[in-house]
Protein backbone atom coordinates (compact mmCIF):
# COMPACT_ATOMS: atom_id res chain seq x y z
CA UNK A 1 0.00 0.00 0.00
CA UNK A 2 2.98 2.32 0.16
CA UNK A 3 2.97 2.75 -3.60
CA UNK A 4 -0.38 4.59 -3.95
CA UNK A 5 0.70 7.09 -1.29
CA UNK A 6 3.92 7.92 -3.13
CA UNK A 7 2.02 8.29 -6.41
CA UNK A 8 -0.63 10.46 -4.79
CA UNK A 9 2.04 12.65 -3.20
CA UNK A 10 3.92 13.00 -6.51
CA UNK A 11 0.69 13.87 -8.34
CA UNK A 12 -0.16 16.50 -5.73
CA UNK A 13 3.34 17.94 -5.90
CA UNK A 14 3.22 18.04 -9.69
CA UNK A 15 -0.16 19.75 -9.66
CA UNK A 16 1.09 22.35 -7.18
CA UNK A 17 4.16 23.07 -9.31
CA UNK A 18 2.10 23.43 -12.49
CA UNK A 19 -0.32 25.79 -10.75
CA UNK A 20 2.54 27.93 -9.40
CA UNK A 21 4.09 28.16 -12.86
CA UNK A 22 0.74 29.11 -14.39
CA UNK A 23 0.23 31.80 -11.76
CA UNK A 24 3.73 33.19 -12.36
CA UNK A 25 3.17 33.18 -16.13
CA UNK A 26 0.04 35.30 -15.60
CA UNK A 27 1.99 37.70 -13.38
CA UNK A 28 4.69 37.88 -16.06
CA UNK A 29 2.08 38.87 -18.66
CA UNK A 30 0.77 41.61 -16.37
CA UNK A 31 4.27 42.94 -15.69
CA UNK A 32 5.14 42.87 -19.41
CA UNK A 33 2.00 44.89 -20.14
CA UNK A 34 2.95 47.39 -17.41
CA UNK A 35 6.45 47.77 -18.85
CA UNK A 36 4.99 48.30 -22.32
CA UNK A 37 2.81 51.10 -20.93
CA UNK A 38 5.82 52.80 -19.34
CA UNK A 39 7.72 52.67 -22.64
CA UNK A 40 4.67 54.14 -24.39
CA UNK A 41 4.59 56.92 -21.81
CA UNK A 42 8.29 57.58 -22.33
CA UNK A 43 7.77 57.70 -26.10
CA UNK A 44 4.85 60.08 -25.61
CA UNK A 45 7.17 62.34 -23.63
CA UNK A 46 9.65 62.43 -26.51
CA UNK A 47 12.21 59.88 -25.34
CA UNK A 48 13.91 57.55 -27.82
CA UNK A 49 12.75 54.08 -26.80
CA UNK A 50 15.62 52.27 -28.51
CA UNK A 51 18.15 54.34 -26.55
CA UNK A 52 16.12 53.97 -23.34
CA UNK A 53 16.22 50.17 -23.71
CA UNK A 54 20.00 50.33 -24.25
CA UNK A 55 20.45 52.51 -21.14
CA UNK A 56 18.43 50.04 -19.07
CA UNK A 57 20.50 47.18 -20.46
CA UNK A 58 23.74 48.97 -19.58
CA UNK A 59 22.57 49.76 -16.05
CA UNK A 60 22.07 46.04 -15.41
CA UNK A 61 25.77 45.39 -16.08
CA UNK A 62 28.71 45.82 -13.77
CA UNK A 63 31.08 48.69 -14.68
CA UNK A 64 33.80 46.24 -15.73
CA UNK A 65 31.39 44.40 -18.03
CA UNK A 66 30.28 47.70 -19.61
CA UNK A 67 33.90 48.76 -20.17
CA UNK A 68 34.73 45.42 -21.76
CA UNK A 69 31.70 45.71 -24.06
CA UNK A 70 32.65 49.27 -25.05
CA UNK A 71 36.22 48.14 -25.77
CA UNK A 72 34.96 45.33 -27.99
CA UNK A 73 32.60 47.69 -29.82
CA UNK A 74 35.47 50.14 -30.36
CA UNK A 75 37.65 47.29 -31.66
CA UNK A 76 34.98 46.16 -34.13
CA UNK A 77 34.30 49.72 -35.28
CA UNK A 78 38.01 50.34 -35.77
CA UNK A 79 38.26 47.14 -37.82
CA UNK A 80 35.51 48.55 -40.05
CA UNK A 81 37.29 51.89 -40.35
CA UNK A 82 34.83 53.68 -38.09
CA UNK A 83 36.72 55.50 -35.36
CA UNK A 84 34.84 56.93 -32.41
CA UNK A 85 36.71 59.02 -29.88
CA UNK A 86 34.71 58.48 -26.70
CA UNK A 87 36.66 61.15 -24.81
CA UNK A 88 35.52 63.84 -27.26
CA UNK A 89 31.96 62.51 -27.22
CA UNK A 90 31.77 62.73 -23.42
PDB file of N, CA and C in Angstrom:
ATOM      1  N   UNK A   1       0.795  -1.208   0.000  1.00  0.00           N
ATOM      2  CA  UNK A   1       0.000   0.000   0.000  1.00  0.00           C
ATOM      3  C   UNK A   1       0.840   1.276   0.000  1.00  0.00           C
ATOM      4  N   UNK A   2       2.115   1.148   0.152  1.00  0.00           N
ATOM      5  CA  UNK A   2       2.981   2.319   0.160  1.00  0.00           C
ATOM      6  C   UNK A   2       3.033   2.983  -1.215  1.00  0.00           C
ATOM      7  N   UNK A   3       2.869   2.224  -2.244  1.00  0.00           N
ATOM      8  CA  UNK A   3       2.966   2.749  -3.604  1.00  0.00           C
ATOM      9  C   UNK A   3       1.901   3.796  -3.930  1.00  0.00           C
ATOM     10  N   UNK A   4       0.616   3.572  -3.644  1.00  0.00           N
ATOM     11  CA  UNK A   4      -0.384   4.595  -3.955  1.00  0.00           C
ATOM     12  C   UNK A   4      -0.129   5.914  -3.231  1.00  0.00           C
ATOM     13  N   UNK A   5       0.419   5.862  -2.032  1.00  0.00           N
ATOM     14  CA  UNK A   5       0.704   7.086  -1.286  1.00  0.00           C
ATOM     15  C   UNK A   5       1.792   7.899  -1.980  1.00  0.00           C
ATOM     16  N   UNK A   6       2.848   7.224  -2.422  1.00  0.00           N
ATOM     17  CA  UNK A   6       3.917   7.925  -3.134  1.00  0.00           C
ATOM     18  C   UNK A   6       3.395   8.534  -4.427  1.00  0.00           C
ATOM     19  N   UNK A   7       2.592   7.800  -5.150  1.00  0.00           N
ATOM     20  CA  UNK A   7       2.021   8.292  -6.407  1.00  0.00           C
ATOM     21  C   UNK A   7       1.111   9.481  -6.144  1.00  0.00           C
ATOM     22  N   UNK A   8       0.282   9.368  -5.126  1.00  0.00           N
ATOM     23  CA  UNK A   8      -0.632  10.456  -4.788  1.00  0.00           C
ATOM     24  C   UNK A   8       0.151  11.703  -4.397  1.00  0.00           C
ATOM     25  N   UNK A   9       1.206  11.514  -3.603  1.00  0.00           N
ATOM     26  CA  UNK A   9       2.036  12.646  -3.200  1.00  0.00           C
ATOM     27  C   UNK A   9       2.685  13.290  -4.418  1.00  0.00           C
ATOM     28  N   UNK A  10       3.259  12.480  -5.312  1.00  0.00           N
ATOM     29  CA  UNK A  10       3.916  12.999  -6.508  1.00  0.00           C
ATOM     30  C   UNK A  10       2.923  13.741  -7.394  1.00  0.00           C
ATOM     31  N   UNK A  11       1.713  13.198  -7.528  1.00  0.00           N
ATOM     32  CA  UNK A  11       0.692  13.866  -8.339  1.00  0.00           C
ATOM     33  C   UNK A  11       0.318  15.210  -7.727  1.00  0.00           C
ATOM     34  N   UNK A  12       0.170  15.240  -6.411  1.00  0.00           N
ATOM     35  CA  UNK A  12      -0.156  16.495  -5.729  1.00  0.00           C
ATOM     36  C   UNK A  12       0.952  17.511  -5.872  1.00  0.00           C
ATOM     37  N   UNK A  13       2.184  17.054  -5.749  1.00  0.00           N
ATOM     38  CA  UNK A  13       3.339  17.942  -5.896  1.00  0.00           C
ATOM     39  C   UNK A  13       3.414  18.487  -7.317  1.00  0.00           C
ATOM     40  N   UNK A  14       3.199  17.613  -8.289  1.00  0.00           N
ATOM     41  CA  UNK A  14       3.221  18.042  -9.691  1.00  0.00           C
ATOM     42  C   UNK A  14       2.144  19.074  -9.966  1.00  0.00           C
ATOM     43  N   UNK A  15       0.952  18.816  -9.459  1.00  0.00           N
ATOM     44  CA  UNK A  15      -0.160  19.747  -9.659  1.00  0.00           C
ATOM     45  C   UNK A  15       0.159  21.109  -9.039  1.00  0.00           C
ATOM     46  N   UNK A  16       0.739  21.095  -7.846  1.00  0.00           N
ATOM     47  CA  UNK A  16       1.093  22.350  -7.179  1.00  0.00           C
ATOM     48  C   UNK A  16       2.138  23.118  -7.983  1.00  0.00           C
ATOM     49  N   UNK A  17       3.131  22.412  -8.513  1.00  0.00           N
ATOM     50  CA  UNK A  17       4.163  23.068  -9.312  1.00  0.00           C
ATOM     51  C   UNK A  17       3.577  23.678 -10.583  1.00  0.00           C
ATOM     52  N   UNK A  18       2.730  22.928 -11.258  1.00  0.00           N
ATOM     53  CA  UNK A  18       2.101  23.428 -12.487  1.00  0.00           C
ATOM     54  C   UNK A  18       1.264  24.665 -12.188  1.00  0.00           C
ATOM     55  N   UNK A  19       0.512  24.644 -11.101  1.00  0.00           N
ATOM     56  CA  UNK A  19      -0.322  25.793 -10.748  1.00  0.00           C
ATOM     57  C   UNK A  19       0.520  27.012 -10.408  1.00  0.00           C
ATOM     58  N   UNK A  20       1.637  26.809  -9.715  1.00  0.00           N
ATOM     59  CA  UNK A  20       2.537  27.931  -9.399  1.00  0.00           C
ATOM     60  C   UNK A  20       3.102  28.526 -10.673  1.00  0.00           C
ATOM     61  N   UNK A  21       3.532  27.665 -11.591  1.00  0.00           N
ATOM     62  CA  UNK A  21       4.086  28.156 -12.858  1.00  0.00           C
ATOM     63  C   UNK A  21       3.034  28.928 -13.636  1.00  0.00           C
ATOM     64  N   UNK A  22       1.822  28.415 -13.684  1.00  0.00           N
ATOM     65  CA  UNK A  22       0.744  29.109 -14.393  1.00  0.00           C
ATOM     66  C   UNK A  22       0.469  30.472 -13.766  1.00  0.00           C
ATOM     67  N   UNK A  23       0.475  30.537 -12.460  1.00  0.00           N
ATOM     68  CA  UNK A  23       0.231  31.799 -11.764  1.00  0.00           C
ATOM     69  C   UNK A  23       1.351  32.796 -12.079  1.00  0.00           C
ATOM     70  N   UNK A  24       2.594  32.321 -12.051  1.00  0.00           N
ATOM     71  CA  UNK A  24       3.729  33.190 -12.362  1.00  0.00           C
ATOM     72  C   UNK A  24       3.708  33.664 -13.814  1.00  0.00           C
ATOM     73  N   UNK A  25       3.284  32.794 -14.721  1.00  0.00           N
ATOM     74  CA  UNK A  25       3.168  33.182 -16.133  1.00  0.00           C
ATOM     75  C   UNK A  25       2.147  34.313 -16.293  1.00  0.00           C
ATOM     76  N   UNK A  26       1.053  34.234 -15.551  1.00  0.00           N
ATOM     77  CA  UNK A  26       0.043  35.299 -15.598  1.00  0.00           C
ATOM     78  C   UNK A  26       0.616  36.602 -15.054  1.00  0.00           C
ATOM     79  N   UNK A  27       1.363  36.512 -13.952  1.00  0.00           N
ATOM     80  CA  UNK A  27       1.994  37.702 -13.384  1.00  0.00           C
ATOM     81  C   UNK A  27       2.989  38.298 -14.369  1.00  0.00           C
ATOM     82  N   UNK A  28       3.710  37.422 -15.071  1.00  0.00           N
ATOM     83  CA  UNK A  28       4.689  37.879 -16.059  1.00  0.00           C
ATOM     84  C   UNK A  28       3.993  38.656 -17.175  1.00  0.00           C
ATOM     85  N   UNK A  29       2.837  38.169 -17.621  1.00  0.00           N
ATOM     86  CA  UNK A  29       2.079  38.875 -18.660  1.00  0.00           C
ATOM     87  C   UNK A  29       1.661  40.256 -18.183  1.00  0.00           C
ATOM     88  N   UNK A  30       1.205  40.330 -16.939  1.00  0.00           N
ATOM     89  CA  UNK A  30       0.771  41.610 -16.375  1.00  0.00           C
ATOM     90  C   UNK A  30       1.944  42.577 -16.283  1.00  0.00           C
ATOM     91  N   UNK A  31       3.080  42.089 -15.814  1.00  0.00           N
ATOM     92  CA  UNK A  31       4.265  42.944 -15.688  1.00  0.00           C
ATOM     93  C   UNK A  31       4.733  43.400 -17.069  1.00  0.00           C
ATOM     94  N   UNK A  32       4.729  42.503 -18.049  1.00  0.00           N
ATOM     95  CA  UNK A  32       5.138  42.874 -19.408  1.00  0.00           C
ATOM     96  C   UNK A  32       4.228  43.971 -19.963  1.00  0.00           C
ATOM     97  N   UNK A  33       2.942  43.866 -19.681  1.00  0.00           N
ATOM     98  CA  UNK A  33       2.003  44.894 -20.142  1.00  0.00           C
ATOM     99  C   UNK A  33       2.287  46.222 -19.446  1.00  0.00           C
ATOM    100  N   UNK A  34       2.612  46.170 -18.157  1.00  0.00           N
ATOM    101  CA  UNK A  34       2.946  47.386 -17.414  1.00  0.00           C
ATOM    102  C   UNK A  34       4.201  48.049 -17.976  1.00  0.00           C
ATOM    103  N   UNK A  35       5.208  47.239 -18.288  1.00  0.00           N
ATOM    104  CA  UNK A  35       6.450  47.766 -18.854  1.00  0.00           C
ATOM    105  C   UNK A  35       6.176  48.401 -20.211  1.00  0.00           C
ATOM    106  N   UNK A  36       5.350  47.764 -21.011  1.00  0.00           N
ATOM    107  CA  UNK A  36       4.993  48.300 -22.321  1.00  0.00           C
ATOM    108  C   UNK A  36       4.326  49.671 -22.175  1.00  0.00           C
ATOM    109  N   UNK A  37       3.476  49.814 -21.178  1.00  0.00           N
ATOM    110  CA  UNK A  37       2.810  51.095 -20.930  1.00  0.00           C
ATOM    111  C   UNK A  37       3.817  52.182 -20.552  1.00  0.00           C
ATOM    112  N   UNK A  38       4.811  51.823 -19.745  1.00  0.00           N
ATOM    113  CA  UNK A  38       5.821  52.800 -19.337  1.00  0.00           C
ATOM    114  C   UNK A  38       6.644  53.247 -20.540  1.00  0.00           C
ATOM    115  N   UNK A  39       6.997  52.301 -21.414  1.00  0.00           N
ATOM    116  CA  UNK A  39       7.721  52.670 -22.639  1.00  0.00           C
ATOM    117  C   UNK A  39       6.862  53.578 -23.514  1.00  0.00           C
ATOM    118  N   UNK A  40       5.571  53.287 -23.610  1.00  0.00           N
ATOM    119  CA  UNK A  40       4.668  54.139 -24.392  1.00  0.00           C
ATOM    120  C   UNK A  40       4.610  55.541 -23.794  1.00  0.00           C
ATOM    121  N   UNK A  41       4.589  55.620 -22.481  1.00  0.00           N
ATOM    122  CA  UNK A  41       4.590  56.923 -21.805  1.00  0.00           C
ATOM    123  C   UNK A  41       5.884  57.678 -22.108  1.00  0.00           C
ATOM    124  N   UNK A  42       7.004  56.952 -22.041  1.00  0.00           N
ATOM    125  CA  UNK A  42       8.295  57.580 -22.331  1.00  0.00           C
ATOM    126  C   UNK A  42       8.326  58.098 -23.768  1.00  0.00           C
ATOM    127  N   UNK A  43       7.819  57.284 -24.695  1.00  0.00           N
ATOM    128  CA  UNK A  43       7.773  57.703 -26.096  1.00  0.00           C
ATOM    129  C   UNK A  43       6.882  58.930 -26.259  1.00  0.00           C
ATOM    130  N   UNK A  44       5.759  58.938 -25.560  1.00  0.00           N
ATOM    131  CA  UNK A  44       4.849  60.081 -25.609  1.00  0.00           C
ATOM    132  C   UNK A  44       5.482  61.353 -25.072  1.00  0.00           C
ATOM    133  N   UNK A  45       6.464  61.187 -24.192  1.00  0.00           N
ATOM    134  CA  UNK A  45       7.167  62.343 -23.632  1.00  0.00           C
ATOM    135  C   UNK A  45       8.409  62.709 -24.440  1.00  0.00           C
ATOM    136  N   UNK A  46       8.577  62.058 -25.596  1.00  0.00           N
ATOM    137  CA  UNK A  46       9.647  62.431 -26.506  1.00  0.00           C
ATOM    138  C   UNK A  46      10.956  61.672 -26.344  1.00  0.00           C
ATOM    139  N   UNK A  47      10.979  60.646 -25.512  1.00  0.00           N
ATOM    140  CA  UNK A  47      12.215  59.879 -25.336  1.00  0.00           C
ATOM    141  C   UNK A  47      12.350  58.835 -26.439  1.00  0.00           C
ATOM    142  N   UNK A  48      13.592  58.562 -26.812  1.00  0.00           N
ATOM    143  CA  UNK A  48      13.909  57.553 -27.818  1.00  0.00           C
ATOM    144  C   UNK A  48      13.906  56.192 -27.124  1.00  0.00           C
ATOM    145  N   UNK A  49      12.947  55.363 -27.476  1.00  0.00           N
ATOM    146  CA  UNK A  49      12.747  54.080 -26.805  1.00  0.00           C
ATOM    147  C   UNK A  49      13.926  53.137 -27.029  1.00  0.00           C
ATOM    148  N   UNK A  50      14.481  53.134 -28.218  1.00  0.00           N
ATOM    149  CA  UNK A  50      15.623  52.265 -28.512  1.00  0.00           C
ATOM    150  C   UNK A  50      16.795  52.605 -27.585  1.00  0.00           C
ATOM    151  N   UNK A  51      17.057  53.893 -27.417  1.00  0.00           N
ATOM    152  CA  UNK A  51      18.147  54.339 -26.550  1.00  0.00           C
ATOM    153  C   UNK A  51      17.801  54.050 -25.091  1.00  0.00           C
ATOM    154  N   UNK A  52      16.560  54.253 -24.711  1.00  0.00           N
ATOM    155  CA  UNK A  52      16.125  53.971 -23.345  1.00  0.00           C
ATOM    156  C   UNK A  52      16.339  52.494 -23.003  1.00  0.00           C
ATOM    157  N   UNK A  53      16.001  51.609 -23.927  1.00  0.00           N
ATOM    158  CA  UNK A  53      16.225  50.173 -23.706  1.00  0.00           C
ATOM    159  C   UNK A  53      17.708  49.870 -23.545  1.00  0.00           C
ATOM    160  N   UNK A  54      18.552  50.541 -24.337  1.00  0.00           N
ATOM    161  CA  UNK A  54      20.001  50.333 -24.245  1.00  0.00           C
ATOM    162  C   UNK A  54      20.519  50.822 -22.891  1.00  0.00           C
ATOM    163  N   UNK A  55      20.036  51.974 -22.442  1.00  0.00           N
ATOM    164  CA  UNK A  55      20.452  52.512 -21.143  1.00  0.00           C
ATOM    165  C   UNK A  55      20.074  51.531 -20.027  1.00  0.00           C
ATOM    166  N   UNK A  56      18.874  50.998 -20.082  1.00  0.00           N
ATOM    167  CA  UNK A  56      18.432  50.038 -19.070  1.00  0.00           C
ATOM    168  C   UNK A  56      19.297  48.790 -19.109  1.00  0.00           C
ATOM    169  N   UNK A  57      19.626  48.343 -20.308  1.00  0.00           N
ATOM    170  CA  UNK A  57      20.498  47.180 -20.464  1.00  0.00           C
ATOM    171  C   UNK A  57      21.878  47.445 -19.858  1.00  0.00           C
ATOM    172  N   UNK A  58      22.419  48.618 -20.108  1.00  0.00           N
ATOM    173  CA  UNK A  58      23.735  48.969 -19.581  1.00  0.00           C
ATOM    174  C   UNK A  58      23.725  49.088 -18.061  1.00  0.00           C
ATOM    175  N   UNK A  59      22.647  49.609 -17.499  1.00  0.00           N
ATOM    176  CA  UNK A  59      22.569  49.759 -16.045  1.00  0.00           C
ATOM    177  C   UNK A  59      22.539  48.415 -15.330  1.00  0.00           C
ATOM    178  N   UNK A  60      22.113  47.374 -16.011  1.00  0.00           N
ATOM    179  CA  UNK A  60      22.069  46.040 -15.407  1.00  0.00           C
ATOM    180  C   UNK A  60      23.470  45.437 -15.270  1.00  0.00           C
ATOM    181  N   UNK A  61      24.421  45.973 -16.025  1.00  0.00           N
ATOM    182  CA  UNK A  61      25.766  45.394 -16.080  1.00  0.00           C
ATOM    183  C   UNK A  61      26.684  46.056 -15.060  1.00  0.00           C
ATOM    184  N   UNK A  62      27.667  45.293 -14.641  1.00  0.00           N
ATOM    185  CA  UNK A  62      28.714  45.820 -13.769  1.00  0.00           C
ATOM    186  C   UNK A  62      29.598  46.763 -14.591  1.00  0.00           C
ATOM    187  N   UNK A  63      30.219  47.745 -13.938  1.00  0.00           N
ATOM    188  CA  UNK A  63      31.075  48.693 -14.679  1.00  0.00           C
ATOM    189  C   UNK A  63      32.152  48.002 -15.526  1.00  0.00           C
ATOM    190  N   UNK A  64      32.754  46.943 -14.986  1.00  0.00           N
ATOM    191  CA  UNK A  64      33.798  46.238 -15.732  1.00  0.00           C
ATOM    192  C   UNK A  64      33.225  45.592 -16.998  1.00  0.00           C
ATOM    193  N   UNK A  65      32.036  45.041 -16.877  1.00  0.00           N
ATOM    194  CA  UNK A  65      31.389  44.403 -18.027  1.00  0.00           C
ATOM    195  C   UNK A  65      31.058  45.438 -19.103  1.00  0.00           C
ATOM    196  N   UNK A  66      30.583  46.620 -18.664  1.00  0.00           N
ATOM    197  CA  UNK A  66      30.284  47.697 -19.613  1.00  0.00           C
ATOM    198  C   UNK A  66      31.547  48.154 -20.332  1.00  0.00           C
ATOM    199  N   UNK A  67      32.637  48.315 -19.572  1.00  0.00           N
ATOM    200  CA  UNK A  67      33.898  48.759 -20.169  1.00  0.00           C
ATOM    201  C   UNK A  67      34.405  47.741 -21.175  1.00  0.00           C
ATOM    202  N   UNK A  68      34.292  46.467 -20.837  1.00  0.00           N
ATOM    203  CA  UNK A  68      34.732  45.418 -21.757  1.00  0.00           C
ATOM    204  C   UNK A  68      33.895  45.448 -23.035  1.00  0.00           C
ATOM    205  N   UNK A  69      32.580  45.634 -22.891  1.00  0.00           N
ATOM    206  CA  UNK A  69      31.699  45.706 -24.058  1.00  0.00           C
ATOM    207  C   UNK A  69      32.059  46.907 -24.923  1.00  0.00           C
ATOM    208  N   UNK A  70      32.277  48.069 -24.295  1.00  0.00           N
ATOM    209  CA  UNK A  70      32.646  49.266 -25.052  1.00  0.00           C
ATOM    210  C   UNK A  70      33.966  49.057 -25.790  1.00  0.00           C
ATOM    211  N   UNK A  71      34.923  48.393 -25.131  1.00  0.00           N
ATOM    212  CA  UNK A  71      36.216  48.135 -25.771  1.00  0.00           C
ATOM    213  C   UNK A  71      36.042  47.232 -26.991  1.00  0.00           C
ATOM    214  N   UNK A  72      35.200  46.228 -26.865  1.00  0.00           N
ATOM    215  CA  UNK A  72      34.957  45.331 -27.990  1.00  0.00           C
ATOM    216  C   UNK A  72      34.249  46.064 -29.128  1.00  0.00           C
ATOM    217  N   UNK A  73      33.294  46.910 -28.797  1.00  0.00           N
ATOM    218  CA  UNK A  73      32.597  47.690 -29.824  1.00  0.00           C
ATOM    219  C   UNK A  73      33.593  48.599 -30.543  1.00  0.00           C
ATOM    220  N   UNK A  74      34.454  49.267 -29.762  1.00  0.00           N
ATOM    221  CA  UNK A  74      35.468  50.136 -30.362  1.00  0.00           C
ATOM    222  C   UNK A  74      36.392  49.344 -31.281  1.00  0.00           C
ATOM    223  N   UNK A  75      36.778  48.143 -30.851  1.00  0.00           N
ATOM    224  CA  UNK A  75      37.649  47.292 -31.660  1.00  0.00           C
ATOM    225  C   UNK A  75      36.976  46.930 -32.985  1.00  0.00           C
ATOM    226  N   UNK A  76      35.717  46.525 -32.916  1.00  0.00           N
ATOM    227  CA  UNK A  76      34.980  46.157 -34.133  1.00  0.00           C
ATOM    228  C   UNK A  76      34.808  47.360 -35.051  1.00  0.00           C
ATOM    229  N   UNK A  77      34.459  48.516 -34.465  1.00  0.00           N
ATOM    230  CA  UNK A  77      34.297  49.720 -35.278  1.00  0.00           C
ATOM    231  C   UNK A  77      35.605  50.107 -35.946  1.00  0.00           C
ATOM    232  N   UNK A  78      36.700  50.011 -35.204  1.00  0.00           N
ATOM    233  CA  UNK A  78      38.008  50.345 -35.775  1.00  0.00           C
ATOM    234  C   UNK A  78      38.346  49.398 -36.925  1.00  0.00           C
ATOM    235  N   UNK A  79      38.005  48.120 -36.763  1.00  0.00           N
ATOM    236  CA  UNK A  79      38.259  47.143 -37.825  1.00  0.00           C
ATOM    237  C   UNK A  79      37.468  47.472 -39.085  1.00  0.00           C
ATOM    238  N   UNK A  80      36.348  48.152 -38.905  1.00  0.00           N
ATOM    239  CA  UNK A  80      35.512  48.551 -40.045  1.00  0.00           C
ATOM    240  C   UNK A  80      35.858  49.947 -40.550  1.00  0.00           C
ATOM    241  N   UNK A  81      36.861  50.559 -39.931  1.00  0.00           N
ATOM    242  CA  UNK A  81      37.286  51.892 -40.352  1.00  0.00           C
ATOM    243  C   UNK A  81      36.428  52.996 -39.767  1.00  0.00           C
ATOM    244  N   UNK A  82      35.661  52.687 -38.756  1.00  0.00           N
ATOM    245  CA  UNK A  82      34.832  53.685 -38.087  1.00  0.00           C
ATOM    246  C   UNK A  82      35.478  53.972 -36.731  1.00  0.00           C
ATOM    247  N   UNK A  83      36.023  55.166 -36.589  1.00  0.00           N
ATOM    248  CA  UNK A  83      36.720  55.496 -35.360  1.00  0.00           C
ATOM    249  C   UNK A  83      35.854  56.457 -34.556  1.00  0.00           C
ATOM    250  N   UNK A  84      35.619  56.079 -33.317  1.00  0.00           N
ATOM    251  CA  UNK A  84      34.841  56.926 -32.409  1.00  0.00           C
ATOM    252  C   UNK A  84      35.729  57.273 -31.242  1.00  0.00           C
ATOM    253  N   UNK A  85      35.920  58.572 -31.019  1.00  0.00           N
ATOM    254  CA  UNK A  85      36.709  59.024 -29.881  1.00  0.00           C
ATOM    255  C   UNK A  85      35.746  59.292 -28.738  1.00  0.00           C
ATOM    256  N   UNK A  86      35.661  58.368 -27.815  1.00  0.00           N
ATOM    257  CA  UNK A  86      34.710  58.476 -26.704  1.00  0.00           C
ATOM    258  C   UNK A  86      35.020  59.654 -25.795  1.00  0.00           C
ATOM    259  N   UNK A  87      36.298  60.035 -25.681  1.00  0.00           N
ATOM    260  CA  UNK A  87      36.665  61.153 -24.812  1.00  0.00           C
ATOM    261  C   UNK A  87      36.093  62.457 -25.348  1.00  0.00           C
ATOM    262  N   UNK A  88      36.095  62.624 -26.664  1.00  0.00           N
ATOM    263  CA  UNK A  88      35.524  63.835 -27.258  1.00  0.00           C
ATOM    264  C   UNK A  88      34.012  63.816 -27.174  1.00  0.00           C
ATOM    265  N   UNK A  89      33.423  62.628 -27.257  1.00  0.00           N
ATOM    266  CA  UNK A  89      31.960  62.511 -27.219  1.00  0.00           C
ATOM    267  C   UNK A  89      31.423  62.775 -25.825  1.00  0.00           C
ATOM    268  N   UNK A  90      32.235  62.567 -24.803  1.00  0.00           N
ATOM    269  CA  UNK A  90      31.769  62.732 -23.420  1.00  0.00           C
ATOM    270  C   UNK A  90      31.769  64.151 -22.973  1.00  0.00           C
TER     271      UNK A  90
END
